[in-house]
Amino acid sequence: MISGESESQGQVGELTAESAGAVLREACEAAGWDSSEAELLRLGSHAVYRLGPAPVIVRIARDPGSLEEMERAVRVARWLESEDFPATRVLAGVQQPTVVGGRVVTFWESVQEREEYATVEELADLLRRLHWLKEPESLGLPYFDPLAKLWKRLRALDGVAEDDRKFLEERAGKLAKEYDRLDFVLPFGLIHGDANIGNVLRHRDGHAVLIDLDDFVLAPREWDLILTAMFYDRFGWHTRSEYEAFVYRYGFDLMNWPGYPVLADLRELMMVVWLGQQVSASRKSADEFRRRMSTLRSDGSRRDWRPF
């Protein structure tokens, strides 16, 4: 079932717990699932729900224009399953994806009844294995352009102060020039695109699986290593021993690469701009956005940044 196909992004409105709940109920009713005991796990780029006792995860995209992206994510998931790669699986027997109320909805198998993150060593193992795979052309993976993604998000900022927007745009322009001069040393190819410990869960049978397959692209492999390095080096979210274990298992220390500071600055800016898209709907997001903007302006420590 597809409803709301004619709704534009401007007509859909902000994704809130209330609006996502309405989409969830309609999508589940059409798919034959009971949403009465659904639990909202997170509200970020997607509203993510677990359907009570059923082993089902429902994801509702924040971006109403993400249908093509989610179609690709479904193709990626099915291909990874054919390769017996440990990743989240799309739910069989349900149209994937569907559009309800102008929102793109997908259904996935639940990894387990509670969220349990795997280790950075397991993340490294999964990335090393993923980077050895040869993707088929049928996946239709795009070439990665982080600046295009960043500028798209900057244009969508409508709840931040004008001086904050100007600061972010100027910083983006500077980093765009520096990024163009980077000399990548790892092979170019398939990447997860948002590889970090938050996207590696423990399956109910004990093994680690990659989740959130929306950002699969063709890109320098350094991009899949940057978040783990930053979480250790800039934010203190990983310990030194955890990062050293990650480097040992993957086989490359990104922090020894001369381009690391530029890539980290760019990824950091994208994190801030992503958060800026949510300031109108969330006091928590607005508070964290102000904290991060203050740090960027003063070039202060990032150690008090909070994970989202």
C-alpha atoms as a PDB file:
ATOM      1  CA  MET A   1       0.000   0.000   0.000  1.00  0.00           C
ATOM      2  CA  ILE A   2       1.309   3.431  -0.907  1.00  0.00           C
ATOM      3  CA  SER A   3      -0.420   6.528   0.338  1.00  0.00           C
ATOM      4  CA  GLY A   4       0.444  10.188   0.308  1.00  0.00           C
ATOM      5  CA  GLU A   5       2.482   9.893  -2.896  1.00  0.00           C
ATOM      6  CA  SER A   6       1.644  13.443  -3.954  1.00  0.00           C
ATOM      7  CA  GLU A   7       2.761  15.045  -0.720  1.00  0.00           C
ATOM      8  CA  SER A   8       5.839  17.200  -1.106  1.00  0.00           C
ATOM      9  CA  GLN A   9       8.542  17.470   1.509  1.00  0.00           C
ATOM     10  CA  GLY A  10       7.168  20.811   2.617  1.00  0.00           C
ATOM     11  CA  GLN A  11       3.669  19.382   3.095  1.00  0.00           C
ATOM     12  CA  VAL A  12       4.742  16.351   5.122  1.00  0.00           C
ATOM     13  CA  GLY A  13       5.945  18.420   8.072  1.00  0.00           C
ATOM     14  CA  GLU A  14       8.335  17.651  10.904  1.00  0.00           C
ATOM     15  CA  LEU A  15       8.940  14.067  11.983  1.00  0.00           C
ATOM     16  CA  THR A  16       7.895  13.863  15.639  1.00  0.00           C
ATOM     17  CA  ALA A  17       6.935  11.006  17.915  1.00  0.00           C
ATOM     18  CA  GLU A  18       3.290  11.852  17.248  1.00  0.00           C
ATOM     19  CA  SER A  19       3.519  12.065  13.450  1.00  0.00           C
ATOM     20  CA  ALA A  20       5.725   8.966  13.276  1.00  0.00           C
ATOM     21  CA  GLY A  21       3.246   7.070  15.445  1.00  0.00           C
ATOM     22  CA  ALA A  22       0.436   7.831  13.031  1.00  0.00           C
ATOM     23  CA  VAL A  23       2.525   6.581  10.087  1.00  0.00           C
ATOM     24  CA  LEU A  24       3.496   3.482  12.053  1.00  0.00           C
ATOM     25  CA  ARG A  25      -0.096   2.530  12.769  1.00  0.00           C
ATOM     26  CA  GLU A  26      -1.154   2.912   9.132  1.00  0.00           C
ATOM     27  CA  ALA A  27       1.901   1.081   7.767  1.00  0.00           C
ATOM     28  CA  CYS A  28       1.517  -1.824  10.187  1.00  0.00           C
ATOM     29  CA  GLU A  29      -2.189  -2.139   9.510  1.00  0.00           C
ATOM     30  CA  ALA A  30      -1.486  -2.374   5.771  1.00  0.00           C
ATOM     31  CA  ALA A  31       1.272  -4.953   6.348  1.00  0.00           C
ATOM     32  CA  GLY A  32      -0.798  -7.024   8.757  1.00  0.00           C
ATOM     33  CA  TRP A  33       1.216  -6.287  11.902  1.00  0.00           C
ATOM     34  CA  ASP A  34      -0.083  -5.233  15.315  1.00  0.00           C
ATOM     35  CA  SER A  35       1.499  -1.929  16.421  1.00  0.00           C
ATOM     36  CA  SER A  36      -0.354  -1.589  19.738  1.00  0.00           C
ATOM     37  CA  GLU A  37       2.728  -2.553  21.777  1.00  0.00           C
ATOM     38  CA  ALA A  38       5.308  -0.811  19.561  1.00  0.00           C
ATOM     39  CA  GLU A  39       8.270   0.782  21.336  1.00  0.00           C
ATOM     40  CA  LEU A  40       9.989   3.879  19.938  1.00  0.00           C
ATOM     41  CA  LEU A  41      13.708   3.090  20.122  1.00  0.00           C
ATOM     42  CA  ARG A  42      15.067   6.309  18.629  1.00  0.00           C
ATOM     43  CA  LEU A  43      14.047   9.396  16.713  1.00  0.00           C
ATOM     44  CA  GLY A  44      16.814  10.705  14.483  1.00  0.00           C
ATOM     45  CA  SER A  45      17.341  10.245  10.758  1.00  0.00           C
ATOM     46  CA  HIS A  46      14.631   7.612  11.190  1.00  0.00           C
ATOM     47  CA  ALA A  47      11.950   6.898  13.721  1.00  0.00           C
ATOM     48  CA  VAL A  48      12.788   3.323  14.734  1.00  0.00           C
ATOM     49  CA  TYR A  49      10.201   1.098  16.401  1.00  0.00           C
ATOM     50  CA  ARG A  50      10.199  -2.433  17.798  1.00  0.00           C
ATOM     51  CA  LEU A  51       6.801  -4.092  17.458  1.00  0.00           C
ATOM     52  CA  GLY A  52       6.317  -5.422  20.974  1.00  0.00           C
ATOM     53  CA  PRO A  53       6.496  -9.235  21.101  1.00  0.00           C
ATOM     54  CA  ALA A  54       6.909  -9.557  17.325  1.00  0.00           C
ATOM     55  CA  PRO A  55      10.547  -9.804  16.101  1.00  0.00           C
ATOM     56  CA  VAL A  56      10.076  -6.832  13.776  1.00  0.00           C
ATOM     57  CA  ILE A  57      11.745  -3.414  13.471  1.00  0.00           C
ATOM     58  CA  VAL A  58       9.976  -0.606  11.600  1.00  0.00           C
ATOM     59  CA  ARG A  59      11.974   2.351  10.294  1.00  0.00           C
ATOM     60  CA  ILE A  60      10.299   5.587   9.172  1.00  0.00           C
ATOM     61  CA  ALA A  61      12.632   7.945   7.307  1.00  0.00           C
ATOM     62  CA  ARG A  62      12.807  11.586   8.330  1.00  0.00           C
ATOM     63  CA  ASP A  63      13.526  12.692   4.753  1.00  0.00           C
ATOM     64  CA  PRO A  64      10.366  12.337   2.632  1.00  0.00           C
ATOM     65  CA  GLY A  65      12.578  12.265  -0.466  1.00  0.00           C
ATOM     66  CA  SER A  66      14.495   9.140   0.574  1.00  0.00           C
ATOM     67  CA  LEU A  67      12.513   6.546  -1.405  1.00  0.00           C
ATOM     68  CA  GLU A  68      15.334   5.851  -3.872  1.00  0.00           C
ATOM     69  CA  GLU A  69      17.848   5.637  -1.023  1.00  0.00           C
ATOM     70  CA  MET A  70      15.712   3.149   0.892  1.00  0.00           C
ATOM     71  CA  GLU A  71      15.052   1.078  -2.227  1.00  0.00           C
ATOM     72  CA  ARG A  72      18.821   0.812  -2.543  1.00  0.00           C
ATOM     73  CA  ALA A  73      19.162  -0.130   1.151  1.00  0.00           C
ATOM     74  CA  VAL A  74      16.700  -2.985   0.631  1.00  0.00           C
ATOM     75  CA  ARG A  75      18.701  -4.199  -2.393  1.00  0.00           C
ATOM     76  CA  VAL A  76      21.908  -4.010  -0.350  1.00  0.00           C
ATOM     77  CA  ALA A  77      20.350  -5.997   2.501  1.00  0.00           C
ATOM     78  CA  ARG A  78      19.174  -8.755   0.163  1.00  0.00           C
ATOM     79  CA  TRP A  79      22.573  -8.907  -1.542  1.00  0.00           C
ATOM     80  CA  LEU A  80      24.400  -9.115   1.804  1.00  0.00           C
ATOM     81  CA  GLU A  81      22.078 -11.937   2.811  1.00  0.00           C
ATOM     82  CA  SER A  82      22.956 -13.773  -0.427  1.00  0.00           C
ATOM     83  CA  GLU A  83      26.641 -13.328   0.517  1.00  0.00           C
ATOM     84  CA  ASP A  84      25.927 -14.673   4.027  1.00  0.00           C
ATOM     85  CA  PHE A  85      27.321 -11.420   5.410  1.00  0.00           C
ATOM     86  CA  PRO A  86      26.254 -10.646   9.004  1.00  0.00           C
ATOM     87  CA  ALA A  87      23.928  -7.683   8.532  1.00  0.00           C
ATOM     88  CA  THR A  88      20.367  -6.721   9.320  1.00  0.00           C
ATOM     89  CA  ARG A  89      17.777  -8.512   7.160  1.00  0.00           C
ATOM     90  CA  VAL A  90      14.699  -7.045   5.524  1.00  0.00           C
ATOM     91  CA  LEU A  91      11.450  -8.682   6.553  1.00  0.00           C
ATOM     92  CA  ALA A  92      10.149 -11.169   4.007  1.00  0.00           C
ATOM     93  CA  GLY A  93       6.594 -11.044   2.744  1.00  0.00           C
ATOM     94  CA  VAL A  94       6.207  -7.279   3.053  1.00  0.00           C
ATOM     95  CA  GLN A  95       6.421  -4.666   0.286  1.00  0.00           C
ATOM     96  CA  GLN A  96       9.785  -2.956   0.677  1.00  0.00           C
ATOM     97  CA  PRO A  97       9.868   0.001   0.941  1.00  0.00           C
ATOM     98  CA  THR A  98       6.404   1.516   1.216  1.00  0.00           C
ATOM     99  CA  VAL A  99       5.293   5.139   1.431  1.00  0.00           C
ATOM    100  CA  VAL A 100       2.682   6.083   4.024  1.00  0.00           C
ATOM    101  CA  GLY A 101       1.570   9.631   4.653  1.00  0.00           C
ATOM    102  CA  GLY A 102       4.479  10.901   2.586  1.00  0.00           C
ATOM    103  CA  ARG A 103       7.001   8.957   4.708  1.00  0.00           C
ATOM    104  CA  VAL A 104       9.197   6.100   3.525  1.00  0.00           C
ATOM    105  CA  VAL A 105       8.736   2.989   5.687  1.00  0.00           C
ATOM    106  CA  THR A 106      10.731  -0.251   5.796  1.00  0.00           C
ATOM    107  CA  PHE A 107      10.344  -3.438   7.850  1.00  0.00           C
ATOM    108  CA  TRP A 108      13.315  -5.401   9.209  1.00  0.00           C
ATOM    109  CA  GLU A 109      13.963  -8.515  11.256  1.00  0.00           C
ATOM    110  CA  SER A 110      14.727  -7.665  14.878  1.00  0.00           C
ATOM    111  CA  VAL A 111      18.279  -8.613  15.881  1.00  0.00           C
ATOM    112  CA  GLN A 112      17.210  -9.403  19.426  1.00  0.00           C
ATOM    113  CA  GLU A 113      14.656  -8.344  22.020  1.00  0.00           C
ATOM    114  CA  ARG A 114      16.921  -5.656  23.485  1.00  0.00           C
ATOM    115  CA  GLU A 115      19.653  -3.473  22.017  1.00  0.00           C
ATOM    116  CA  GLU A 116      23.115  -4.793  22.831  1.00  0.00           C
ATOM    117  CA  TYR A 117      26.075  -3.250  21.025  1.00  0.00           C
ATOM    118  CA  ALA A 118      28.975  -5.356  19.828  1.00  0.00           C
ATOM    119  CA  THR A 119      32.640  -4.416  20.334  1.00  0.00           C
ATOM    120  CA  VAL A 120      34.968  -2.219  18.297  1.00  0.00           C
ATOM    121  CA  GLU A 121      36.998  -5.319  17.480  1.00  0.00           C
ATOM    122  CA  GLU A 122      33.932  -6.886  15.908  1.00  0.00           C
ATOM    123  CA  LEU A 123      33.222  -3.660  14.033  1.00  0.00           C
ATOM    124  CA  ALA A 124      36.757  -3.820  12.618  1.00  0.00           C
ATOM    125  CA  ASP A 125      36.279  -7.460  11.596  1.00  0.00           C
ATOM    126  CA  LEU A 126      33.003  -6.670   9.826  1.00  0.00           C
ATOM    127  CA  LEU A 127      34.488  -3.698   7.972  1.00  0.00           C
ATOM    128  CA  ARG A 128      37.530  -5.651   6.849  1.00  0.00           C
ATOM    129  CA  ARG A 129      35.261  -8.410   5.549  1.00  0.00           C
ATOM    130  CA  LEU A 130      32.866  -5.919   3.946  1.00  0.00           C
ATOM    131  CA  HIS A 131      35.681  -4.094   2.177  1.00  0.00           C
ATOM    132  CA  TRP A 132      36.784  -7.341   0.537  1.00  0.00           C
ATOM    133  CA  LEU A 133      33.381  -7.895  -1.084  1.00  0.00           C
ATOM    134  CA  LYS A 134      32.839  -7.083  -4.740  1.00  0.00           C
ATOM    135  CA  GLU A 135      29.454  -5.463  -5.185  1.00  0.00           C
ATOM    136  CA  PRO A 136      27.339  -6.243  -8.262  1.00  0.00           C
ATOM    137  CA  GLU A 137      26.476  -3.375 -10.593  1.00  0.00           C
ATOM    138  CA  SER A 138      22.792  -4.200 -10.040  1.00  0.00           C
ATOM    139  CA  LEU A 139      22.980  -2.563  -6.600  1.00  0.00           C
ATOM    140  CA  GLY A 140      23.276   0.806  -8.319  1.00  0.00           C
ATOM    141  CA  LEU A 141      25.557   2.231  -5.647  1.00  0.00           C
ATOM    142  CA  PRO A 142      26.368   5.917  -6.170  1.00  0.00           C
ATOM    143  CA  TYR A 143      29.787   7.488  -5.880  1.00  0.00           C
ATOM    144  CA  PHE A 144      30.179   9.203  -2.550  1.00  0.00           C
ATOM    145  CA  ASP A 145      30.171  12.989  -2.443  1.00  0.00           C
ATOM    146  CA  PRO A 146      30.233  14.127   1.200  1.00  0.00           C
ATOM    147  CA  LEU A 147      30.115  17.783   0.218  1.00  0.00           C
ATOM    148  CA  ALA A 148      26.897  17.332  -1.748  1.00  0.00           C
ATOM    149  CA  LYS A 149      25.319  15.649   1.255  1.00  0.00           C
ATOM    150  CA  LEU A 150      26.587  18.395   3.562  1.00  0.00           C
ATOM    151  CA  TRP A 151      25.287  21.235   1.390  1.00  0.00           C
ATOM    152  CA  LYS A 152      21.909  19.529   1.076  1.00  0.00           C
ATOM    153  CA  ARG A 153      21.637  19.444   4.858  1.00  0.00           C
ATOM    154  CA  LEU A 154      22.794  23.050   5.154  1.00  0.00           C
ATOM    155  CA  ARG A 155      20.068  24.184   2.773  1.00  0.00           C
ATOM    156  CA  ALA A 156      17.504  22.305   4.873  1.00  0.00           C
ATOM    157  CA  LEU A 157      18.420  24.119   8.101  1.00  0.00           C
ATOM    158  CA  ASP A 158      15.438  26.264   9.016  1.00  0.00           C
ATOM    159  CA  GLY A 159      15.499  26.364  12.801  1.00  0.00           C
ATOM    160  CA  VAL A 160      18.970  27.778  13.495  1.00  0.00           C
ATOM    161  CA  ALA A 161      20.126  31.377  13.849  1.00  0.00           C
ATOM    162  CA  GLU A 162      21.337  33.071  10.679  1.00  0.00           C
ATOM    163  CA  ASP A 163      24.810  33.713  12.100  1.00  0.00           C
ATOM    164  CA  ASP A 164      25.111  30.002  12.934  1.00  0.00           C
ATOM    165  CA  ARG A 165      24.104  29.089   9.403  1.00  0.00           C
ATOM    166  CA  LYS A 166      26.640  31.506   7.933  1.00  0.00           C
ATOM    167  CA  PHE A 167      29.401  30.132  10.163  1.00  0.00           C
ATOM    168  CA  LEU A 168      28.598  26.559   9.129  1.00  0.00           C
ATOM    169  CA  GLU A 169      28.494  27.466   5.434  1.00  0.00           C
ATOM    170  CA  GLU A 170      31.857  29.230   5.625  1.00  0.00           C
ATOM    171  CA  ARG A 171      33.382  26.256   7.408  1.00  0.00           C
ATOM    172  CA  ALA A 172      31.919  23.917   4.799  1.00  0.00           C
ATOM    173  CA  GLY A 173      33.413  25.993   1.976  1.00  0.00           C
ATOM    174  CA  LYS A 174      36.863  25.885   3.571  1.00  0.00           C
ATOM    175  CA  LEU A 175      36.718  22.142   4.172  1.00  0.00           C
ATOM    176  CA  ALA A 176      35.493  21.483   0.630  1.00  0.00           C
ATOM    177  CA  LYS A 177      38.747  22.903  -0.723  1.00  0.00           C
ATOM    178  CA  GLU A 178      40.841  20.907   1.744  1.00  0.00           C
ATOM    179  CA  TYR A 179      38.930  17.691   1.021  1.00  0.00           C
ATOM    180  CA  ASP A 180      39.576  18.040  -2.706  1.00  0.00           C
ATOM    181  CA  ARG A 181      43.321  18.018  -2.007  1.00  0.00           C
ATOM    182  CA  LEU A 182      43.301  14.802   0.061  1.00  0.00           C
ATOM    183  CA  ASP A 183      45.431  11.892  -1.124  1.00  0.00           C
ATOM    184  CA  PHE A 184      43.605   8.727  -0.089  1.00  0.00           C
ATOM    185  CA  VAL A 185      45.753   5.631   0.367  1.00  0.00           C
ATOM    186  CA  LEU A 186      43.243   2.812   0.937  1.00  0.00           C
ATOM    187  CA  PRO A 187      41.480   1.141  -2.007  1.00  0.00           C
ATOM    188  CA  PHE A 188      38.353   2.791  -3.377  1.00  0.00           C
ATOM    189  CA  GLY A 189      35.184   0.697  -3.237  1.00  0.00           C
ATOM    190  CA  LEU A 190      32.131  -0.389  -1.279  1.00  0.00           C
ATOM    191  CA  ILE A 191      31.684   1.154   2.177  1.00  0.00           C
ATOM    192  CA  HIS A 192      28.983   1.159   4.857  1.00  0.00           C
ATOM    193  CA  GLY A 193      29.052   4.951   4.975  1.00  0.00           C
ATOM    194  CA  ASP A 194      28.153   5.410   8.660  1.00  0.00           C
ATOM    195  CA  ALA A 195      30.356   2.801  10.307  1.00  0.00           C
ATOM    196  CA  ASN A 196      30.515   3.203  14.075  1.00  0.00           C
ATOM    197  CA  ILE A 197      29.872   1.160  17.195  1.00  0.00           C
ATOM    198  CA  GLY A 198      26.248   2.346  17.271  1.00  0.00           C
ATOM    199  CA  ASN A 199      25.580   0.481  14.029  1.00  0.00           C
ATOM    200  CA  VAL A 200      26.871  -2.910  15.181  1.00  0.00           C
ATOM    201  CA  LEU A 201      24.474  -4.935  17.310  1.00  0.00           C
ATOM    202  CA  ARG A 202      24.731  -8.293  19.040  1.00  0.00           C
ATOM    203  CA  HIS A 203      22.426 -10.841  17.442  1.00  0.00           C
ATOM    204  CA  ARG A 204      20.349 -13.052  19.732  1.00  0.00           C
ATOM    205  CA  ASP A 205      22.596 -15.988  18.752  1.00  0.00           C
ATOM    206  CA  GLY A 206      25.713 -14.070  19.821  1.00  0.00           C
ATOM    207  CA  HIS A 207      27.333 -12.845  16.600  1.00  0.00           C
ATOM    208  CA  ALA A 208      27.716  -9.180  15.597  1.00  0.00           C
ATOM    209  CA  VAL A 209      25.723  -7.683  12.715  1.00  0.00           C
ATOM    210  CA  LEU A 210      25.875  -4.418  10.793  1.00  0.00           C
ATOM    211  CA  ILE A 211      22.679  -2.364  10.781  1.00  0.00           C
ATOM    212  CA  ASP A 212      21.518   0.869   9.062  1.00  0.00           C
ATOM    213  CA  LEU A 213      22.429   0.103   5.459  1.00  0.00           C
ATOM    214  CA  ASP A 214      21.108   3.381   4.019  1.00  0.00           C
ATOM    215  CA  ASP A 215      24.495   4.957   3.295  1.00  0.00           C
ATOM    216  CA  PHE A 216      26.176   2.195   1.270  1.00  0.00           C
ATOM    217  CA  VAL A 217      28.187   3.914  -1.471  1.00  0.00           C
ATOM    218  CA  LEU A 218      31.403   3.636  -3.473  1.00  0.00           C
ATOM    219  CA  ALA A 219      34.034   5.728  -1.725  1.00  0.00           C
ATOM    220  CA  PRO A 220      37.509   5.841  -0.183  1.00  0.00           C
ATOM    221  CA  ARG A 221      37.605   3.213   2.588  1.00  0.00           C
ATOM    222  CA  GLU A 222      39.025   5.837   4.976  1.00  0.00           C
ATOM    223  CA  TRP A 223      35.457   7.131   5.409  1.00  0.00           C
ATOM    224  CA  ASP A 224      34.445   3.891   7.163  1.00  0.00           C
ATOM    225  CA  LEU A 225      37.262   4.307   9.692  1.00  0.00           C
ATOM    226  CA  ILE A 226      36.893   7.979  10.576  1.00  0.00           C
ATOM    227  CA  LEU A 227      34.147   7.753  13.194  1.00  0.00           C
ATOM    228  CA  THR A 228      35.913   5.182  15.355  1.00  0.00           C
ATOM    229  CA  ALA A 229      39.075   7.312  15.277  1.00  0.00           C
ATOM    230  CA  MET A 230      37.129  10.475  16.178  1.00  0.00           C
ATOM    231  CA  PHE A 231      35.152   8.751  18.923  1.00  0.00           C
ATOM    232  CA  TYR A 232      38.487   7.943  20.554  1.00  0.00           C
ATOM    233  CA  ASP A 233      40.611  10.952  19.660  1.00  0.00           C
ATOM    234  CA  ARG A 234      38.178  13.868  19.847  1.00  0.00           C
ATOM    235  CA  PHE A 235      35.197  12.803  21.924  1.00  0.00           C
ATOM    236  CA  GLY A 236      36.652  10.247  24.341  1.00  0.00           C
ATOM    237  CA  TRP A 237      33.807   7.801  23.647  1.00  0.00           C
ATOM    238  CA  HIS A 238      36.323   4.966  23.088  1.00  0.00           C
ATOM    239  CA  THR A 239      39.332   4.182  25.243  1.00  0.00           C
ATOM    240  CA  ARG A 240      42.851   4.002  23.898  1.00  0.00           C
ATOM    241  CA  SER A 241      42.867   0.213  24.285  1.00  0.00           C
ATOM    242  CA  GLU A 242      39.595  -0.040  22.339  1.00  0.00           C
ATOM    243  CA  TYR A 243      40.950   2.051  19.503  1.00  0.00           C
ATOM    244  CA  GLU A 244      44.224   0.118  19.405  1.00  0.00           C
ATOM    245  CA  ALA A 245      42.236  -3.123  19.218  1.00  0.00           C
ATOM    246  CA  PHE A 246      40.200  -1.702  16.328  1.00  0.00           C
ATOM    247  CA  VAL A 247      43.379  -0.717  14.451  1.00  0.00           C
ATOM    248  CA  TYR A 248      44.959  -4.121  15.053  1.00  0.00           C
ATOM    249  CA  ARG A 249      41.908  -6.025  13.795  1.00  0.00           C
ATOM    250  CA  TYR A 250      41.340  -3.841  10.730  1.00  0.00           C
ATOM    251  CA  GLY A 251      45.028  -3.417   9.892  1.00  0.00           C
ATOM    252  CA  PHE A 252      45.288   0.339   9.367  1.00  0.00           C
ATOM    253  CA  ASP A 253      45.579   3.325  11.719  1.00  0.00           C
ATOM    254  CA  LEU A 254      43.756   6.234  10.143  1.00  0.00           C
ATOM    255  CA  MET A 255      45.256   8.687  12.629  1.00  0.00           C
ATOM    256  CA  ASN A 256      48.685   8.108  11.067  1.00  0.00           C
ATOM    257  CA  TRP A 257      47.380   9.228   7.671  1.00  0.00           C
ATOM    258  CA  PRO A 258      48.131  12.929   6.931  1.00  0.00           C
ATOM    259  CA  GLY A 259      44.580  13.558   5.756  1.00  0.00           C
ATOM    260  CA  TYR A 260      43.014  12.489   9.059  1.00  0.00           C
ATOM    261  CA  PRO A 261      42.452  16.012  10.511  1.00  0.00           C
ATOM    262  CA  VAL A 262      40.618  17.226   7.394  1.00  0.00           C
ATOM    263  CA  LEU A 263      38.435  14.132   7.186  1.00  0.00           C
ATOM    264  CA  ALA A 264      37.688  14.398  10.912  1.00  0.00           C
ATOM    265  CA  ASP A 265      36.791  18.095  10.610  1.00  0.00           C
ATOM    266  CA  LEU A 266      34.438  17.346   7.722  1.00  0.00           C
ATOM    267  CA  ARG A 267      32.755  14.399   9.457  1.00  0.00           C
ATOM    268  CA  GLU A 268      32.422  16.457  12.617  1.00  0.00           C
ATOM    269  CA  LEU A 269      30.775  19.307  10.727  1.00  0.00           C
ATOM    270  CA  MET A 270      28.307  16.891   9.148  1.00  0.00           C
ATOM    271  CA  MET A 271      27.398  15.646  12.629  1.00  0.00           C
ATOM    272  CA  VAL A 272      26.697  19.191  13.795  1.00  0.00           C
ATOM    273  CA  VAL A 273      24.616  20.085  10.744  1.00  0.00           C
ATOM    274  CA  TRP A 274      22.631  16.837  11.060  1.00  0.00           C
ATOM    275  CA  LEU A 275      21.816  17.782  14.634  1.00  0.00           C
ATOM    276  CA  GLY A 276      20.864  21.300  13.500  1.00  0.00           C
ATOM    277  CA  GLN A 277      18.069  19.811  11.400  1.00  0.00           C
ATOM    278  CA  GLN A 278      16.349  18.656  14.602  1.00  0.00           C
ATOM    279  CA  VAL A 279      16.524  21.781  16.767  1.00  0.00           C
ATOM    280  CA  SER A 280      12.925  22.803  16.085  1.00  0.00           C
ATOM    281  CA  ALA A 281      11.509  19.464  17.192  1.00  0.00           C
ATOM    282  CA  SER A 282      13.703  18.554  20.156  1.00  0.00           C
ATOM    283  CA  ARG A 283      14.911  20.582  23.147  1.00  0.00           C
ATOM    284  CA  LYS A 284      17.617  17.975  23.733  1.00  0.00           C
ATOM    285  CA  SER A 285      18.864  18.373  20.159  1.00  0.00           C
ATOM    286  CA  ALA A 286      18.726  22.168  20.389  1.00  0.00           C
ATOM    287  CA  ASP A 287      20.790  22.178  23.587  1.00  0.00           C
ATOM    288  CA  GLU A 288      23.390  19.854  22.118  1.00  0.00           C
ATOM    289  CA  PHE A 289      23.521  21.879  18.890  1.00  0.00           C
ATOM    290  CA  ARG A 290      24.304  25.032  20.879  1.00  0.00           C
ATOM    291  CA  ARG A 291      27.019  23.205  22.802  1.00  0.00           C
ATOM    292  CA  ARG A 292      28.653  21.971  19.611  1.00  0.00           C
ATOM    293  CA  MET A 293      28.427  25.337  17.874  1.00  0.00           C
ATOM    294  CA  SER A 294      30.148  26.988  20.830  1.00  0.00           C
ATOM    295  CA  THR A 295      32.943  24.418  20.598  1.00  0.00           C
ATOM    296  CA  LEU A 296      33.405  24.904  16.864  1.00  0.00           C
ATOM    297  CA  ARG A 297      33.547  28.674  17.203  1.00  0.00           C
ATOM    298  CA  SER A 298      36.118  28.546  20.020  1.00  0.00           C
ATOM    299  CA  ASP A 299      37.976  25.448  18.756  1.00  0.00           C
ATOM    300  CA  GLY A 300      37.513  24.029  22.241  1.00  0.00           C
ATOM    301  CA  SER A 301      37.539  20.461  23.491  1.00  0.00           C
ATOM    302  CA  ARG A 302      34.883  18.129  22.121  1.00  0.00           C
ATOM    303  CA  ARG A 303      35.011  15.941  25.229  1.00  0.00           C
ATOM    304  CA  ASP A 304      31.661  17.189  26.513  1.00  0.00           C
ATOM    305  CA  TRP A 305      29.803  16.376  23.274  1.00  0.00           C
ATOM    306  CA  ARG A 306      27.036  13.865  23.929  1.00  0.00           C
ATOM    307  CA  PRO A 307      26.301  10.912  21.634  1.00  0.00           C
ATOM    308  CA  PHE A 308      23.096  11.048  19.570  1.00  0.00           C
END
